[in-house]
Amino acid sequence: MRTTRCPLCKSNIIVRHRPWLGQSIRCLSCEAILEVVFLNPLELESTYDVQDSRFEDSLYYKELDYIE
């Protein structure tokens, strides 16, 4: 079991299995999707933030709704 911190919200992330480079891991606190970029010590990097994408998508669709 390995422990690291989320680069976005700084909460602790516990990885119970053996991680590998390029693996996607979700932060349970901020729901960000993170990628394993270094194994010893375990280091994660933000690749795609779920909350930001929802916000951006909703703005995009609202803009399309007003275009006629």
PDB file of N, CA and C in Angstrom:
ATOM      1  N   MET A   1       0.835  -1.165   0.000  1.00  0.00           N
ATOM      2  CA  MET A   1       0.000   0.000   0.000  1.00  0.00           C
ATOM      3  C   MET A   1       0.893   1.245   0.000  1.00  0.00           C
ATOM      4  N   ARG A   2       0.548   2.197  -0.880  1.00  0.00           N
ATOM      5  CA  ARG A   2       1.326   3.428  -0.978  1.00  0.00           C
ATOM      6  C   ARG A   2       0.418   4.626  -0.762  1.00  0.00           C
ATOM      7  N   THR A   3       1.003   5.699  -0.242  1.00  0.00           N
ATOM      8  CA  THR A   3       0.248   6.918   0.011  1.00  0.00           C
ATOM      9  C   THR A   3       0.928   8.086  -0.692  1.00  0.00           C
ATOM     10  N   THR A   4       0.125   8.964  -1.250  1.00  0.00           N
ATOM     11  CA  THR A   4       0.621  10.183  -1.881  1.00  0.00           C
ATOM     12  C   THR A   4      -0.439  11.260  -1.709  1.00  0.00           C
ATOM     13  N   ARG A   5      -0.197  12.435  -2.252  1.00  0.00           N
ATOM     14  CA  ARG A   5      -1.155  13.539  -2.156  1.00  0.00           C
ATOM     15  C   ARG A   5      -1.652  13.933  -3.543  1.00  0.00           C
ATOM     16  N   CYS A   6      -2.886  14.376  -3.589  1.00  0.00           N
ATOM     17  CA  CYS A   6      -3.464  14.882  -4.828  1.00  0.00           C
ATOM     18  C   CYS A   6      -2.798  16.217  -5.155  1.00  0.00           C
ATOM     19  N   PRO A   7      -2.311  16.408  -6.376  1.00  0.00           N
ATOM     20  CA  PRO A   7      -1.663  17.676  -6.722  1.00  0.00           C
ATOM     21  C   PRO A   7      -2.640  18.849  -6.790  1.00  0.00           C
ATOM     22  N   LEU A   8      -3.938  18.574  -6.864  1.00  0.00           N
ATOM     23  CA  LEU A   8      -4.924  19.652  -6.961  1.00  0.00           C
ATOM     24  C   LEU A   8      -5.494  20.071  -5.612  1.00  0.00           C
ATOM     25  N   CYS A   9      -5.987  19.107  -4.834  1.00  0.00           N
ATOM     26  CA  CYS A   9      -6.646  19.454  -3.569  1.00  0.00           C
ATOM     27  C   CYS A   9      -5.800  19.113  -2.341  1.00  0.00           C
ATOM     28  N   LYS A  10      -4.670  18.475  -2.539  1.00  0.00           N
ATOM     29  CA  LYS A  10      -3.718  18.130  -1.472  1.00  0.00           C
ATOM     30  C   LYS A  10      -4.240  17.101  -0.470  1.00  0.00           C
ATOM     31  N   SER A  11      -5.304  16.397  -0.800  1.00  0.00           N
ATOM     32  CA  SER A  11      -5.791  15.352   0.104  1.00  0.00           C
ATOM     33  C   SER A  11      -4.962  14.080  -0.079  1.00  0.00           C
ATOM     34  N   ASN A  12      -4.950  13.228   0.929  1.00  0.00           N
ATOM     35  CA  ASN A  12      -4.198  11.972   0.870  1.00  0.00           C
ATOM     36  C   ASN A  12      -4.896  10.989  -0.056  1.00  0.00           C
ATOM     37  N   ILE A  13      -4.109  10.287  -0.848  1.00  0.00           N
ATOM     38  CA  ILE A  13      -4.608   9.234  -1.722  1.00  0.00           C
ATOM     39  C   ILE A  13      -3.874   7.957  -1.352  1.00  0.00           C
ATOM     40  N   ILE A  14      -4.624   6.915  -1.038  1.00  0.00           N
ATOM     41  CA  ILE A  14      -4.035   5.619  -0.700  1.00  0.00           C
ATOM     42  C   ILE A  14      -4.246   4.686  -1.884  1.00  0.00           C
ATOM     43  N   VAL A  15      -3.149   4.151  -2.397  1.00  0.00           N
ATOM     44  CA  VAL A  15      -3.199   3.200  -3.508  1.00  0.00           C
ATOM     45  C   VAL A  15      -2.945   1.823  -2.899  1.00  0.00           C
ATOM     46  N   ARG A  16      -3.951   0.981  -2.899  1.00  0.00           N
ATOM     47  CA  ARG A  16      -3.862  -0.317  -2.223  1.00  0.00           C
ATOM     48  C   ARG A  16      -3.140  -1.386  -3.046  1.00  0.00           C
ATOM     49  N   HIS A  17      -3.106  -1.222  -4.335  1.00  0.00           N
ATOM     50  CA  HIS A  17      -2.437  -2.194  -5.199  1.00  0.00           C
ATOM     51  C   HIS A  17      -1.126  -1.594  -5.723  1.00  0.00           C
ATOM     52  N   ARG A  18      -0.374  -2.374  -6.437  1.00  0.00           N
ATOM     53  CA  ARG A  18       0.894  -1.897  -6.979  1.00  0.00           C
ATOM     54  C   ARG A  18       0.628  -1.032  -8.214  1.00  0.00           C
ATOM     55  N   PRO A  19       0.943   0.269  -8.159  1.00  0.00           N
ATOM     56  CA  PRO A  19       0.684   1.147  -9.302  1.00  0.00           C
ATOM     57  C   PRO A  19       1.706   0.954 -10.418  1.00  0.00           C
ATOM     58  N   TRP A  20       1.359   1.396 -11.616  1.00  0.00           N
ATOM     59  CA  TRP A  20       2.279   1.353 -12.751  1.00  0.00           C
ATOM     60  C   TRP A  20       2.272   2.710 -13.438  1.00  0.00           C
ATOM     61  N   LEU A  21       3.338   3.010 -14.167  1.00  0.00           N
ATOM     62  CA  LEU A  21       3.447   4.286 -14.877  1.00  0.00           C
ATOM     63  C   LEU A  21       2.321   4.416 -15.894  1.00  0.00           C
ATOM     64  N   GLY A  22       1.707   5.582 -15.919  1.00  0.00           N
ATOM     65  CA  GLY A  22       0.627   5.835 -16.856  1.00  0.00           C
ATOM     66  C   GLY A  22      -0.742   5.435 -16.347  1.00  0.00           C
ATOM     67  N   GLN A  23      -0.813   4.811 -15.191  1.00  0.00           N
ATOM     68  CA  GLN A  23      -2.089   4.383 -14.629  1.00  0.00           C
ATOM     69  C   GLN A  23      -2.924   5.604 -14.250  1.00  0.00           C
ATOM     70  N   SER A  24      -4.219   5.537 -14.483  1.00  0.00           N
ATOM     71  CA  SER A  24      -5.137   6.597 -14.076  1.00  0.00           C
ATOM     72  C   SER A  24      -5.710   6.267 -12.705  1.00  0.00           C
ATOM     73  N   ILE A  25      -5.683   7.259 -11.829  1.00  0.00           N
ATOM     74  CA  ILE A  25      -6.209   7.112 -10.473  1.00  0.00           C
ATOM     75  C   ILE A  25      -7.107   8.317 -10.205  1.00  0.00           C
ATOM     76  N   ARG A  26      -8.261   8.074  -9.599  1.00  0.00           N
ATOM     77  CA  ARG A  26      -9.199   9.158  -9.299  1.00  0.00           C
ATOM     78  C   ARG A  26      -9.057   9.581  -7.836  1.00  0.00           C
ATOM     79  N   CYS A  27      -8.985  10.877  -7.609  1.00  0.00           N
ATOM     80  CA  CYS A  27      -8.990  11.421  -6.258  1.00  0.00           C
ATOM     81  C   CYS A  27     -10.427  11.403  -5.760  1.00  0.00           C
ATOM     82  N   LEU A  28     -10.656  10.814  -4.607  1.00  0.00           N
ATOM     83  CA  LEU A  28     -12.006  10.720  -4.066  1.00  0.00           C
ATOM     84  C   LEU A  28     -12.509  12.056  -3.524  1.00  0.00           C
ATOM     85  N   SER A  29     -11.602  12.970  -3.190  1.00  0.00           N
ATOM     86  CA  SER A  29     -12.011  14.255  -2.637  1.00  0.00           C
ATOM     87  C   SER A  29     -12.477  15.236  -3.711  1.00  0.00           C
ATOM     88  N   CYS A  30     -11.662  15.436  -4.738  1.00  0.00           N
ATOM     89  CA  CYS A  30     -11.998  16.430  -5.770  1.00  0.00           C
ATOM     90  C   CYS A  30     -12.443  15.799  -7.090  1.00  0.00           C
ATOM     91  N   GLU A  31     -12.418  14.473  -7.167  1.00  0.00           N
ATOM     92  CA  GLU A  31     -12.836  13.706  -8.342  1.00  0.00           C
ATOM     93  C   GLU A  31     -11.971  13.947  -9.578  1.00  0.00           C
ATOM     94  N   ALA A  32     -10.755  14.431  -9.377  1.00  0.00           N
ATOM     95  CA  ALA A  32      -9.831  14.631 -10.495  1.00  0.00           C
ATOM     96  C   ALA A  32      -9.272  13.288 -10.942  1.00  0.00           C
ATOM     97  N   ILE A  33      -9.042  13.158 -12.225  1.00  0.00           N
ATOM     98  CA  ILE A  33      -8.388  11.965 -12.755  1.00  0.00           C
ATOM     99  C   ILE A  33      -6.904  12.282 -12.853  1.00  0.00           C
ATOM    100  N   LEU A  34      -6.103  11.471 -12.167  1.00  0.00           N
ATOM    101  CA  LEU A  34      -4.669  11.699 -12.069  1.00  0.00           C
ATOM    102  C   LEU A  34      -3.920  10.564 -12.733  1.00  0.00           C
ATOM    103  N   GLU A  35      -2.706  10.849 -13.177  1.00  0.00           N
ATOM    104  CA  GLU A  35      -1.875   9.835 -13.826  1.00  0.00           C
ATOM    105  C   GLU A  35      -0.611   9.620 -13.012  1.00  0.00           C
ATOM    106  N   VAL A  36      -0.219   8.359 -12.868  1.00  0.00           N
ATOM    107  CA  VAL A  36       1.031   8.021 -12.176  1.00  0.00           C
ATOM    108  C   VAL A  36       2.190   8.393 -13.101  1.00  0.00           C
ATOM    109  N   VAL A  37       3.049   9.323 -12.636  1.00  0.00           N
ATOM    110  CA  VAL A  37       4.179   9.764 -13.447  1.00  0.00           C
ATOM    111  C   VAL A  37       5.524   9.330 -12.866  1.00  0.00           C
ATOM    112  N   PHE A  38       5.536   8.902 -11.594  1.00  0.00           N
ATOM    113  CA  PHE A  38       6.764   8.446 -10.959  1.00  0.00           C
ATOM    114  C   PHE A  38       6.381   7.439  -9.886  1.00  0.00           C
ATOM    115  N   LEU A  39       7.172   6.367  -9.751  1.00  0.00           N
ATOM    116  CA  LEU A  39       6.804   5.293  -8.829  1.00  0.00           C
ATOM    117  C   LEU A  39       7.457   5.369  -7.456  1.00  0.00           C
ATOM    118  N   ASN A  40       8.680   5.863  -7.361  1.00  0.00           N
ATOM    119  CA  ASN A  40       9.369   5.864  -6.078  1.00  0.00           C
ATOM    120  C   ASN A  40      10.046   7.206  -5.840  1.00  0.00           C
ATOM    121  N   PRO A  41       9.454   8.115  -5.113  1.00  0.00           N
ATOM    122  CA  PRO A  41       8.166   8.035  -4.422  1.00  0.00           C
ATOM    123  C   PRO A  41       7.013   8.184  -5.416  1.00  0.00           C
ATOM    124  N   LEU A  42       5.875   7.683  -5.017  1.00  0.00           N
ATOM    125  CA  LEU A  42       4.691   7.732  -5.868  1.00  0.00           C
ATOM    126  C   LEU A  42       4.295   9.182  -6.114  1.00  0.00           C
ATOM    127  N   GLU A  43       4.205   9.550  -7.403  1.00  0.00           N
ATOM    128  CA  GLU A  43       3.870  10.922  -7.762  1.00  0.00           C
ATOM    129  C   GLU A  43       2.778  10.905  -8.824  1.00  0.00           C
ATOM    130  N   LEU A  44       1.768  11.734  -8.614  1.00  0.00           N
ATOM    131  CA  LEU A  44       0.634  11.823  -9.529  1.00  0.00           C
ATOM    132  C   LEU A  44       0.611  13.197 -10.178  1.00  0.00           C
ATOM    133  N   GLU A  45       0.070  13.241 -11.390  1.00  0.00           N
ATOM    134  CA  GLU A  45      -0.054  14.498 -12.111  1.00  0.00           C
ATOM    135  C   GLU A  45      -1.474  14.604 -12.661  1.00  0.00           C
ATOM    136  N   SER A  46      -2.018  15.779 -12.642  1.00  0.00           N
ATOM    137  CA  SER A  46      -3.370  15.992 -13.137  1.00  0.00           C
ATOM    138  C   SER A  46      -3.391  15.846 -14.663  1.00  0.00           C
ATOM    139  N   THR A  47      -4.332  15.045 -15.152  1.00  0.00           N
ATOM    140  CA  THR A  47      -4.471  14.889 -16.599  1.00  0.00           C
ATOM    141  C   THR A  47      -5.787  15.447 -17.097  1.00  0.00           C
ATOM    142  N   TYR A  48      -6.813  15.376 -16.241  1.00  0.00           N
ATOM    143  CA  TYR A  48      -8.141  15.776 -16.658  1.00  0.00           C
ATOM    144  C   TYR A  48      -8.976  15.963 -15.413  1.00  0.00           C
ATOM    145  N   ASP A  49      -9.555  17.126 -15.239  1.00  0.00           N
ATOM    146  CA  ASP A  49     -10.339  17.393 -14.040  1.00  0.00           C
ATOM    147  C   ASP A  49     -11.820  17.260 -14.362  1.00  0.00           C
ATOM    148  N   VAL A  50     -12.477  16.340 -13.717  1.00  0.00           N
ATOM    149  CA  VAL A  50     -13.876  16.040 -14.003  1.00  0.00           C
ATOM    150  C   VAL A  50     -14.763  17.241 -13.723  1.00  0.00           C
ATOM    151  N   GLN A  51     -14.570  17.915 -12.607  1.00  0.00           N
ATOM    152  CA  GLN A  51     -15.424  19.044 -12.269  1.00  0.00           C
ATOM    153  C   GLN A  51     -15.265  20.179 -13.267  1.00  0.00           C
ATOM    154  N   ASP A  52     -14.032  20.488 -13.686  1.00  0.00           N
ATOM    155  CA  ASP A  52     -13.825  21.551 -14.664  1.00  0.00           C
ATOM    156  C   ASP A  52     -14.441  21.198 -16.000  1.00  0.00           C
ATOM    157  N   SER A  53     -14.331  19.948 -16.412  1.00  0.00           N
ATOM    158  CA  SER A  53     -14.872  19.568 -17.716  1.00  0.00           C
ATOM    159  C   SER A  53     -16.392  19.684 -17.725  1.00  0.00           C
ATOM    160  N   ARG A  54     -17.038  19.335 -16.616  1.00  0.00           N
ATOM    161  CA  ARG A  54     -18.491  19.469 -16.546  1.00  0.00           C
ATOM    162  C   ARG A  54     -18.888  20.932 -16.671  1.00  0.00           C
ATOM    163  N   PHE A  55     -18.148  21.796 -16.007  1.00  0.00           N
ATOM    164  CA  PHE A  55     -18.440  23.217 -16.040  1.00  0.00           C
ATOM    165  C   PHE A  55     -18.251  23.765 -17.453  1.00  0.00           C
ATOM    166  N   GLU A  56     -17.139  23.416 -18.084  1.00  0.00           N
ATOM    167  CA  GLU A  56     -16.871  23.892 -19.440  1.00  0.00           C
ATOM    168  C   GLU A  56     -17.900  23.359 -20.426  1.00  0.00           C
ATOM    169  N   ASP A  57     -18.253  22.081 -20.308  1.00  0.00           N
ATOM    170  CA  ASP A  57     -19.247  21.507 -21.204  1.00  0.00           C
ATOM    171  C   ASP A  57     -20.590  22.189 -21.049  1.00  0.00           C
ATOM    172  N   SER A  58     -20.986  22.496 -19.816  1.00  0.00           N
ATOM    173  CA  SER A  58     -22.280  23.134 -19.609  1.00  0.00           C
ATOM    174  C   SER A  58     -22.291  24.526 -20.220  1.00  0.00           C
ATOM    175  N   LEU A  59     -21.173  25.259 -20.144  1.00  0.00           N
ATOM    176  CA  LEU A  59     -21.105  26.574 -20.774  1.00  0.00           C
ATOM    177  C   LEU A  59     -21.169  26.448 -22.285  1.00  0.00           C
ATOM    178  N   TYR A  60     -20.491  25.447 -22.824  1.00  0.00           N
ATOM    179  CA  TYR A  60     -20.479  25.244 -24.270  1.00  0.00           C
ATOM    180  C   TYR A  60     -21.891  24.971 -24.783  1.00  0.00           C
ATOM    181  N   TYR A  61     -22.614  24.115 -24.093  1.00  0.00           N
ATOM    182  CA  TYR A  61     -23.965  23.795 -24.537  1.00  0.00           C
ATOM    183  C   TYR A  61     -24.922  24.960 -24.337  1.00  0.00           C
ATOM    184  N   LYS A  62     -24.727  25.748 -23.305  1.00  0.00           N
ATOM    185  CA  LYS A  62     -25.571  26.927 -23.120  1.00  0.00           C
ATOM    186  C   LYS A  62     -25.352  27.918 -24.247  1.00  0.00           C
ATOM    187  N   GLU A  63     -24.089  28.081 -24.683  1.00  0.00           N
ATOM    188  CA  GLU A  63     -23.803  28.983 -25.787  1.00  0.00           C
ATOM    189  C   GLU A  63     -24.471  28.467 -27.057  1.00  0.00           C
ATOM    190  N   LEU A  64     -24.447  27.172 -27.293  1.00  0.00           N
ATOM    191  CA  LEU A  64     -25.086  26.619 -28.490  1.00  0.00           C
ATOM    192  C   LEU A  64     -26.592  26.796 -28.456  1.00  0.00           C
ATOM    193  N   ASP A  65     -27.183  26.746 -27.268  1.00  0.00           N
ATOM    194  CA  ASP A  65     -28.623  26.905 -27.153  1.00  0.00           C
ATOM    195  C   ASP A  65     -29.073  28.296 -27.589  1.00  0.00           C
ATOM    196  N   TYR A  66     -28.229  29.289 -27.419  1.00  0.00           N
ATOM    197  CA  TYR A  66     -28.600  30.664 -27.755  1.00  0.00           C
ATOM    198  C   TYR A  66     -28.292  31.026 -29.206  1.00  0.00           C
ATOM    199  N   ILE A  67     -27.548  30.199 -29.884  1.00  0.00           N
ATOM    200  CA  ILE A  67     -27.214  30.459 -31.282  1.00  0.00           C
ATOM    201  C   ILE A  67     -28.340  29.923 -32.162  1.00  0.00           C
ATOM    202  N   GLU A  68     -28.863  30.796 -33.048  1.00  0.00           N
ATOM    203  CA  GLU A  68     -29.940  30.329 -33.936  1.00  0.00           C
ATOM    204  C   GLU A  68     -29.569  30.544 -35.374  1.00  0.00           C
TER     205      GLU A  68
END
